[in-house]
Amino acid sequence: MPDLNYFVVDVFTVEPLAGNPLAVVMNTCGLTTERMQAVAREFNLSETTFVERRSAEIERVEGVRVRIFTPREELPFAGHPTLGTAGVLKAQAPETLQGDTVTLALEVGPVPVRFEESSAGSAGLFGEMTQRDPEFGAELDRAVVARLAGLHSDDLDPALPPQVVSTGTAFAIVALRSEAALARLKVNQEEATAWLHERGARWFYVLAPALDQNQDGTNYRARMQFYGGEDPATGSAAGCAIAYLVARGAVPSGARVHLRQGMEMGRPSDLFLSAKRESARVRDVRVAGSTVLVARGQLFLP
């Protein structure tokens, strides 16, 4: 086995010990899938990524091969692992950059992450990923959604029906009237998981207009409860959410939304989202944020 260097970064934050933590393991071509899953369980973060380097010629055409694991399973796509891994590659393997962009070869296909110059004194590396064009699934029964989320039907926005949306991983997007309703969220995980699976979704992604909503209506709060816990920042779901909001006319095409997540957990996260609508089609789904390095080390595996 080659040396298995790893990095721990916090994603969607400019401050260490906030945002969503991620472990990125480098030089993993010799690891089996089972070994990767075991390492992900060892880190026990919401996700761990494994970078499988290939020849420069292949990486220029296809991108850098990356696999994403939760402590329980492999995922075809996830947002903060994509952004965080690209940030590690930019800093630690600058040969992966093509101009200002690192492209990751994920299970869902190539995902480019473009980086901007950080402002003076900023600890964060700001990047923006372009996700797959959205696929819109079934609209969901409001009363059932409210019950499974531990809410009342009146808490849901009457103009925005819950709907399954995917830009690589399918979420049930649920829009609420207020932050007060969002604060009461308590998903019945066992029942909700089975019910959502039958409808083609993994988890609820629940959002509400922020108390400090601006005139353009582009400040939001969000929460995502899963695996019996809660996620500080969910970039894949945020891409689904902005696609949904633009498709429904709740956010103007091309406008940048500032979405905050993780407040209830003491890990505030800042996500910046946009999407464009052309006729009936939503495209150019973008999710951006900053990544900061927290730790580095080496795995000692036989």
Protein backbone atom coordinates (compact mmCIF):
# COMPACT_ATOMS: atom_id res chain seq x y z
CA MET A 1 0.00 0.00 0.00
CA PRO A 2 1.18 3.56 -0.69
CA ASP A 3 1.17 6.09 2.12
CA LEU A 4 -2.45 6.98 2.87
CA ASN A 5 -2.30 10.65 3.70
CA TYR A 6 -5.54 12.30 4.75
CA PHE A 7 -6.86 15.79 5.33
CA VAL A 8 -9.79 16.97 7.42
CA VAL A 9 -11.53 20.10 6.18
CA ASP A 10 -14.60 22.05 7.23
CA VAL A 11 -16.83 22.91 4.28
CA PHE A 12 -19.24 25.82 3.80
CA THR A 13 -17.45 27.96 6.36
CA VAL A 14 -14.50 30.32 6.66
CA GLU A 15 -14.02 29.40 10.34
CA PRO A 16 -12.52 26.10 11.56
CA LEU A 17 -14.83 23.95 13.70
CA ALA A 18 -17.93 25.18 11.88
CA GLY A 19 -19.58 24.04 8.65
CA ASN A 20 -19.59 20.37 7.68
CA PRO A 21 -16.43 18.32 8.40
CA LEU A 22 -15.00 16.01 5.74
CA ALA A 23 -12.11 13.55 5.65
CA VAL A 24 -10.27 13.27 2.31
CA VAL A 25 -8.01 10.24 1.90
CA MET A 26 -5.39 10.48 -0.85
CA ASN A 27 -3.63 7.85 -3.02
CA THR A 28 -6.24 5.14 -2.47
CA CYS A 29 -5.98 3.09 -5.68
CA GLY A 30 -4.93 0.02 -3.65
CA LEU A 31 -7.97 0.08 -1.35
CA THR A 32 -10.92 -2.24 -1.84
CA THR A 33 -14.47 -0.96 -1.52
CA GLU A 34 -14.81 -2.83 1.77
CA ARG A 35 -11.65 -1.19 3.11
CA MET A 36 -12.89 2.26 2.11
CA GLN A 37 -16.15 1.62 3.93
CA ALA A 38 -14.24 0.53 7.03
CA VAL A 39 -12.10 3.69 6.93
CA ALA A 40 -15.24 5.82 6.59
CA ARG A 41 -16.63 4.11 9.70
CA GLU A 42 -13.35 4.87 11.48
CA PHE A 43 -13.60 8.60 10.74
CA ASN A 44 -17.35 8.46 11.51
CA LEU A 45 -18.03 11.78 9.77
CA SER A 46 -21.10 12.31 7.61
CA GLU A 47 -18.86 11.59 4.60
CA THR A 48 -15.31 10.54 3.78
CA THR A 49 -13.88 10.72 0.26
CA PHE A 50 -11.22 8.60 -1.41
CA VAL A 51 -9.08 10.05 -4.20
CA GLU A 52 -7.94 7.52 -6.80
CA ARG A 53 -5.27 9.22 -8.90
CA ARG A 54 -4.84 8.18 -12.54
CA SER A 55 -2.58 9.30 -15.36
CA ALA A 56 -2.46 13.00 -16.15
CA GLU A 57 -3.87 12.31 -19.61
CA ILE A 58 -6.95 10.55 -18.24
CA GLU A 59 -7.50 13.15 -15.51
CA ARG A 60 -7.37 15.98 -18.05
CA VAL A 61 -10.19 14.34 -20.04
CA GLU A 62 -12.31 12.67 -17.35
CA GLY A 63 -11.40 14.42 -14.09
CA VAL A 64 -9.94 13.11 -10.83
CA ARG A 65 -11.61 9.90 -9.71
CA VAL A 66 -13.27 10.31 -6.29
CA ARG A 67 -15.53 7.99 -4.30
CA ILE A 68 -17.81 9.16 -1.49
CA PHE A 69 -18.77 7.10 1.57
CA THR A 70 -20.92 7.70 4.62
CA PRO A 71 -20.23 5.44 7.64
CA ARG A 72 -22.96 3.18 6.21
CA GLU A 73 -22.81 3.26 2.42
CA GLU A 74 -21.28 4.64 -0.76
CA LEU A 75 -23.05 7.61 -2.37
CA PRO A 76 -23.03 8.47 -6.08
CA PHE A 77 -22.94 12.18 -5.29
CA ALA A 78 -22.85 14.53 -2.31
CA GLY A 79 -22.26 18.25 -2.19
CA HIS A 80 -19.89 19.10 0.65
CA PRO A 81 -17.60 16.13 -0.18
CA THR A 82 -17.36 17.37 -3.76
CA LEU A 83 -16.53 20.94 -2.78
CA GLY A 84 -14.19 19.93 0.05
CA THR A 85 -12.28 17.32 -1.97
CA ALA A 86 -11.78 19.75 -4.84
CA GLY A 87 -10.42 22.27 -2.33
CA VAL A 88 -7.92 19.74 -0.98
CA LEU A 89 -6.80 18.87 -4.52
CA LYS A 90 -6.33 22.52 -5.42
CA ALA A 91 -4.16 23.08 -2.35
CA GLN A 92 -2.28 19.77 -2.23
CA ALA A 93 -2.23 18.63 -5.88
CA PRO A 94 -2.27 21.82 -7.98
CA GLU A 95 -1.52 19.80 -11.12
CA THR A 96 -5.22 18.79 -11.04
CA LEU A 97 -6.24 22.37 -11.81
CA GLN A 98 -7.24 23.27 -15.34
CA GLY A 99 -7.30 27.02 -15.27
CA ASP A 100 -9.34 27.85 -12.15
CA THR A 101 -11.26 24.54 -12.11
CA VAL A 102 -10.84 21.06 -10.64
CA THR A 103 -13.13 18.44 -12.18
CA LEU A 104 -14.06 15.38 -10.12
CA ALA A 105 -15.03 12.11 -11.79
CA LEU A 106 -17.86 10.92 -9.52
CA GLU A 107 -20.31 8.05 -9.87
CA VAL A 108 -22.85 10.48 -11.37
CA GLY A 109 -20.31 11.75 -13.91
CA PRO A 110 -17.92 14.72 -14.05
CA VAL A 111 -18.58 17.61 -11.66
CA PRO A 112 -16.50 20.78 -12.13
CA VAL A 113 -15.59 23.01 -9.18
CA ARG A 114 -14.42 26.51 -10.04
CA PHE A 115 -12.37 28.51 -7.54
CA GLU A 116 -12.29 32.23 -6.93
CA GLU A 117 -9.44 34.23 -5.49
CA SER A 118 -9.88 34.50 -1.71
CA SER A 119 -10.05 37.99 -0.24
CA ALA A 120 -7.08 39.23 1.75
CA GLY A 121 -7.04 37.74 5.23
CA SER A 122 -9.68 35.10 4.45
CA ALA A 123 -8.96 31.61 5.78
CA GLY A 124 -11.39 29.96 3.37
CA LEU A 125 -10.93 28.68 -0.17
CA PHE A 126 -14.09 29.67 -2.06
CA GLY A 127 -15.33 27.28 -4.73
CA GLU A 128 -18.47 26.79 -6.79
CA MET A 129 -19.64 23.42 -8.12
CA THR A 130 -21.95 22.99 -11.09
CA GLN A 131 -24.35 20.14 -10.44
CA ARG A 132 -26.26 18.01 -12.92
CA ASP A 133 -29.46 19.42 -14.40
CA PRO A 134 -32.33 18.61 -12.04
CA GLU A 135 -34.86 15.83 -12.41
CA PHE A 136 -38.25 16.61 -10.88
CA GLY A 137 -40.16 13.71 -9.39
CA ALA A 138 -43.49 13.27 -7.67
CA GLU A 139 -45.28 15.91 -5.64
CA LEU A 140 -45.94 14.61 -2.12
CA ASP A 141 -48.97 14.61 0.13
CA ARG A 142 -48.75 17.64 2.43
CA ALA A 143 -50.50 16.05 5.37
CA VAL A 144 -48.27 12.97 5.33
CA VAL A 145 -45.12 15.06 4.91
CA ALA A 146 -46.10 17.30 7.83
CA ARG A 147 -46.80 14.33 10.09
CA LEU A 148 -43.52 12.57 9.21
CA ALA A 149 -41.60 15.81 9.80
CA GLY A 150 -43.21 16.39 13.20
CA LEU A 151 -45.02 19.50 11.94
CA HIS A 152 -48.55 20.72 11.21
CA SER A 153 -49.95 20.97 7.68
CA ASP A 154 -50.34 24.72 8.19
CA ASP A 155 -46.56 24.99 8.70
CA LEU A 156 -45.98 24.17 5.03
CA ASP A 157 -45.95 26.97 2.44
CA PRO A 158 -49.31 26.68 0.64
CA ALA A 159 -47.81 27.91 -2.65
CA LEU A 160 -44.95 25.39 -2.71
CA PRO A 161 -45.96 21.71 -2.64
CA PRO A 162 -43.38 19.19 -1.37
CA GLN A 163 -41.64 17.50 -4.28
CA VAL A 164 -38.88 15.00 -5.01
CA VAL A 165 -35.92 16.58 -6.83
CA SER A 166 -32.53 15.16 -7.81
CA THR A 167 -29.29 16.61 -9.14
CA GLY A 168 -27.54 13.31 -8.46
CA THR A 169 -29.12 12.32 -5.14
CA ALA A 170 -32.90 12.61 -4.70
CA PHE A 171 -34.35 14.65 -1.82
CA ALA A 172 -37.89 15.58 -0.87
CA ILE A 173 -37.86 19.38 -0.84
CA VAL A 174 -40.24 20.79 1.78
CA ALA A 175 -40.85 24.56 1.97
CA LEU A 176 -42.19 25.98 5.23
CA ARG A 177 -43.80 29.31 6.01
CA SER A 178 -41.34 30.40 8.70
CA GLU A 179 -38.17 29.80 10.69
CA ALA A 180 -40.35 29.19 13.73
CA ALA A 181 -41.80 26.11 12.03
CA LEU A 182 -38.32 25.01 10.94
CA ALA A 183 -37.17 25.11 14.57
CA ARG A 184 -39.80 22.48 15.47
CA LEU A 185 -38.63 19.98 12.83
CA LYS A 186 -38.42 16.43 14.21
CA VAL A 187 -38.41 13.81 11.47
CA ASN A 188 -39.72 10.34 12.29
CA GLN A 189 -36.70 8.71 10.71
CA GLU A 190 -37.80 5.08 10.65
CA GLU A 191 -41.20 5.70 9.07
CA ALA A 192 -40.02 8.56 6.83
CA THR A 193 -37.15 6.56 5.34
CA ALA A 194 -39.43 3.76 4.12
CA TRP A 195 -42.10 6.19 2.88
CA LEU A 196 -39.61 8.34 0.97
CA HIS A 197 -37.86 5.30 -0.53
CA GLU A 198 -41.14 4.23 -2.13
CA ARG A 199 -41.34 7.66 -3.76
CA GLY A 200 -37.77 7.76 -5.04
CA ALA A 201 -36.21 10.03 -2.40
CA ARG A 202 -33.64 9.56 0.35
CA TRP A 203 -34.38 12.26 2.92
CA PHE A 204 -36.38 15.42 3.59
CA TYR A 205 -34.62 18.73 2.97
CA VAL A 206 -36.66 21.37 4.79
CA LEU A 207 -36.26 25.09 4.21
CA ALA A 208 -37.88 28.37 5.19
CA PRO A 209 -37.43 32.08 4.47
CA ALA A 210 -34.89 33.59 6.86
CA LEU A 211 -36.01 36.05 9.50
CA ASP A 212 -33.63 38.57 7.93
CA GLN A 213 -35.19 37.99 4.51
CA ASN A 214 -34.18 40.65 2.00
CA GLN A 215 -36.38 42.35 -0.57
CA ASP A 216 -35.42 39.89 -3.31
CA GLY A 217 -36.42 36.89 -1.17
CA THR A 218 -33.01 35.28 -1.43
CA ASN A 219 -32.14 34.54 2.21
CA TYR A 220 -33.12 31.08 3.46
CA ARG A 221 -32.57 28.68 6.35
CA ALA A 222 -32.55 24.88 5.98
CA ARG A 223 -32.28 21.66 7.98
CA MET A 224 -31.69 18.04 7.02
CA GLN A 225 -32.17 15.25 9.57
CA PHE A 226 -30.96 11.75 8.66
CA TYR A 227 -29.49 8.55 10.15
CA GLY A 228 -30.96 9.57 13.50
CA GLY A 229 -28.97 12.82 13.50
CA GLU A 230 -28.66 16.07 11.58
CA ASP A 231 -26.39 17.34 8.81
CA PRO A 232 -24.64 20.71 9.27
CA ALA A 233 -24.67 21.45 5.51
CA THR A 234 -26.05 19.45 2.60
CA GLY A 235 -24.71 20.72 -0.72
CA SER A 236 -26.42 18.09 -2.87
CA ALA A 237 -29.82 18.86 -1.31
CA ALA A 238 -29.18 22.59 -1.59
CA GLY A 239 -28.75 22.15 -5.35
CA CYS A 240 -32.11 20.37 -5.47
CA ALA A 241 -33.64 23.16 -3.37
CA ILE A 242 -32.49 26.02 -5.59
CA ALA A 243 -33.62 24.14 -8.71
CA TYR A 244 -37.03 23.70 -7.07
CA LEU A 245 -37.32 27.34 -5.97
CA VAL A 246 -36.36 28.65 -9.42
CA ALA A 247 -38.68 26.20 -11.19
CA ARG A 248 -41.57 27.34 -8.98
CA GLY A 249 -40.79 31.04 -9.45
CA ALA A 250 -40.05 31.56 -5.74
CA VAL A 251 -36.52 32.78 -6.60
CA PRO A 252 -35.61 34.71 -9.77
CA SER A 253 -33.63 32.87 -12.42
CA GLY A 254 -29.92 33.48 -11.93
CA ALA A 255 -30.28 35.14 -8.52
CA ARG A 256 -27.82 34.04 -5.83
CA VAL A 257 -29.45 32.72 -2.66
CA HIS A 258 -27.68 32.78 0.70
CA LEU A 259 -28.78 29.69 2.62
CA ARG A 260 -27.71 28.98 6.21
CA GLN A 261 -27.77 25.51 7.75
CA GLY A 262 -26.39 23.85 10.88
CA MET A 263 -27.35 26.63 13.29
CA GLU A 264 -29.17 24.26 15.65
CA MET A 265 -26.03 22.09 15.91
CA GLY A 266 -23.57 24.86 16.69
CA ARG A 267 -21.93 24.38 13.27
CA PRO A 268 -23.19 27.33 11.20
CA SER A 269 -22.79 26.83 7.47
CA ASP A 270 -23.12 29.32 4.60
CA LEU A 271 -24.15 28.04 1.18
CA PHE A 272 -24.56 30.22 -1.92
CA LEU A 273 -26.92 28.88 -4.58
CA SER A 274 -28.17 29.78 -8.04
CA ALA A 275 -29.92 28.20 -11.01
CA LYS A 276 -31.30 29.41 -14.33
CA ARG A 277 -34.67 28.79 -15.89
CA GLU A 278 -35.15 28.75 -19.64
CA SER A 279 -38.79 28.13 -20.64
CA ALA A 280 -39.74 24.99 -18.69
CA ARG A 281 -36.17 23.84 -18.12
CA VAL A 282 -33.94 24.53 -15.11
CA ARG A 283 -30.20 24.28 -15.68
CA ASP A 284 -26.84 25.63 -14.51
CA VAL A 285 -27.40 24.61 -10.88
CA ARG A 286 -24.58 26.02 -8.79
CA VAL A 287 -23.68 25.55 -5.13
CA ALA A 288 -20.80 27.51 -3.64
CA GLY A 289 -19.02 28.00 -0.35
CA SER A 290 -15.69 28.07 1.43
CA THR A 291 -13.43 25.28 2.70
CA VAL A 292 -10.85 25.50 5.50
CA LEU A 293 -8.15 22.97 6.42
CA VAL A 294 -8.44 21.67 9.99
CA ALA A 295 -6.09 18.66 10.24
CA ARG A 296 -3.81 16.35 8.30
CA GLY A 297 -2.37 12.94 9.05
CA GLN A 298 -1.61 9.43 7.82
CA LEU A 299 -3.45 6.15 8.04
CA PHE A 300 -1.47 3.09 9.11
CA LEU A 301 -3.12 0.09 7.44
CA PRO A 302 -1.61 -3.33 6.73
